[in-house]
Amino acid sequence: MKLPSLILPPLPESPTLDPQLRSWAEYITRYLEDFNQKAKQIPFNQSEELTISDTGTANTQFSITHHLERIPLGYVTLKISNGGIIYDGTSSWTTTTIYLRCTTANANVKILVF
């Protein structure tokens, strides 16, 4: 999931535009552009949705490849095909792979890794 860019229209060039109003509008524009840049750096805004078609045997670690180019901070289960619970595996996560387990066998799972 990517945060969209903030695109603001330029202020009109007008000799009748109050200088104080122009100054205020320019300040707000800079503030919003700065906020947008900072929001893009929030890990949850730099996430990837992944699907695991089969988690395998219950409570057995499985690996999932991601493309975040960094070690993820966490994940959120978006959908699971049975009553299982997804939880952390025992191996350390890397810049390309995370390791999870599921309390039930052969679940189809969708997660958001961030």
Protein backbone atom coordinates (compact mmCIF):
# COMPACT_ATOMS: atom_id res chain seq x y z
CA MET A 1 0.00 0.00 0.00
CA LYS A 2 1.44 3.30 -1.04
CA LEU A 3 0.40 6.73 0.14
CA PRO A 4 -0.57 8.90 -2.84
CA SER A 5 1.42 12.01 -3.57
CA LEU A 6 -0.04 15.26 -2.39
CA ILE A 7 -0.45 17.56 -5.39
CA LEU A 8 -1.41 21.13 -4.64
CA PRO A 9 -2.31 23.69 -7.29
CA PRO A 10 -0.02 26.72 -7.56
CA LEU A 11 -1.24 29.96 -6.08
CA PRO A 12 -2.55 32.36 -8.70
CA GLU A 13 -0.33 35.28 -9.60
CA SER A 14 -2.52 38.25 -8.88
CA PRO A 15 -1.69 41.80 -7.85
CA THR A 16 -4.95 41.87 -5.89
CA LEU A 17 -4.16 38.82 -3.75
CA ASP A 18 -3.57 40.02 -0.22
CA PRO A 19 0.16 39.51 0.65
CA GLN A 20 -0.73 38.17 4.08
CA LEU A 21 -3.15 35.66 2.55
CA ARG A 22 -0.50 34.59 0.02
CA SER A 23 2.05 34.15 2.81
CA TRP A 24 -0.40 32.07 4.83
CA ALA A 25 -1.30 29.91 1.80
CA GLU A 26 2.39 29.33 1.01
CA TYR A 27 3.04 28.32 4.62
CA ILE A 28 0.13 25.85 4.56
CA THR A 29 1.37 24.42 1.24
CA ARG A 30 4.88 23.86 2.65
CA TYR A 31 3.41 22.31 5.80
CA LEU A 32 1.24 19.86 3.81
CA GLU A 33 4.10 18.89 1.50
CA ASP A 34 6.34 18.23 4.53
CA PHE A 35 3.58 16.20 6.20
CA ASN A 36 3.13 14.14 3.02
CA GLN A 37 6.85 13.34 2.86
CA LYS A 38 6.90 12.28 6.52
CA ALA A 39 3.75 10.16 6.13
CA LYS A 40 5.39 8.23 3.28
CA GLN A 41 8.14 7.19 5.71
CA ILE A 42 5.75 5.58 8.21
CA PRO A 43 6.37 1.80 7.97
CA PHE A 44 2.66 0.97 7.75
CA ASN A 45 2.47 3.13 4.62
CA GLN A 46 5.30 1.06 3.15
CA SER A 47 3.56 -2.30 3.26
CA GLU A 48 2.92 -5.29 1.04
CA GLU A 49 -0.11 -7.57 0.85
CA LEU A 50 0.89 -11.25 0.61
CA THR A 51 -1.13 -14.42 0.06
CA ILE A 52 -0.14 -17.82 1.44
CA SER A 53 -2.10 -20.49 -0.40
CA ASP A 54 -1.29 -23.29 2.08
CA THR A 55 0.30 -22.93 5.51
CA GLY A 56 1.08 -26.66 5.66
CA THR A 57 1.04 -28.68 8.89
CA ALA A 58 -0.44 -27.03 11.98
CA ASN A 59 2.05 -25.16 14.18
CA THR A 60 4.89 -25.74 11.72
CA GLN A 61 6.98 -22.80 10.54
CA PHE A 62 6.62 -21.68 6.92
CA SER A 63 8.40 -18.90 5.05
CA ILE A 64 6.99 -16.03 3.01
CA THR A 65 8.98 -13.91 0.58
CA HIS A 66 8.37 -10.16 0.64
CA HIS A 67 9.70 -7.21 -1.37
CA LEU A 68 10.03 -4.44 1.23
CA GLU A 69 13.85 -4.39 0.94
CA ARG A 70 14.12 -4.14 4.74
CA ILE A 71 13.31 -6.30 7.74
CA PRO A 72 9.56 -5.88 8.37
CA LEU A 73 8.30 -4.51 11.67
CA GLY A 74 5.17 -6.65 11.75
CA TYR A 75 2.15 -8.01 9.95
CA VAL A 76 -1.63 -7.97 10.14
CA THR A 77 -3.78 -10.96 9.21
CA LEU A 78 -6.33 -9.74 6.67
CA LYS A 79 -8.06 -13.02 5.87
CA ILE A 80 -7.79 -16.68 6.87
CA SER A 81 -9.74 -19.60 5.40
CA ASN A 82 -10.31 -21.45 8.68
CA GLY A 83 -10.34 -20.74 12.41
CA GLY A 84 -6.57 -20.69 12.70
CA ILE A 85 -4.35 -18.03 14.21
CA ILE A 86 -1.19 -16.81 12.50
CA TYR A 87 1.79 -16.26 14.79
CA ASP A 88 5.56 -15.72 14.59
CA GLY A 89 7.91 -18.51 13.63
CA THR A 90 11.21 -19.15 15.39
CA SER A 91 13.60 -17.99 12.65
CA SER A 92 14.73 -14.39 12.39
CA TRP A 93 13.14 -12.29 9.67
CA THR A 94 15.31 -10.97 6.86
CA THR A 95 15.11 -8.27 4.20
CA THR A 96 13.42 -10.81 1.89
CA THR A 97 11.70 -13.42 4.09
CA ILE A 98 9.48 -13.68 7.16
CA TYR A 99 8.66 -16.87 9.08
CA LEU A 100 5.25 -17.60 10.53
CA ARG A 101 3.17 -20.49 11.87
CA CYS A 102 -0.56 -21.24 11.91
CA THR A 103 -2.52 -23.10 14.60
CA THR A 104 -4.49 -25.07 11.97
CA ALA A 105 -3.33 -27.03 8.92
CA ASN A 106 -3.58 -25.99 5.29
CA ALA A 107 -4.99 -22.49 5.79
CA ASN A 108 -5.22 -20.00 2.95
CA VAL A 109 -4.07 -16.68 4.43
CA LYS A 110 -3.75 -13.06 3.31
CA ILE A 111 -1.50 -10.79 5.40
CA LEU A 112 -0.25 -7.22 5.24
CA VAL A 113 3.47 -7.02 6.00
CA PHE A 114 4.83 -3.62 7.04
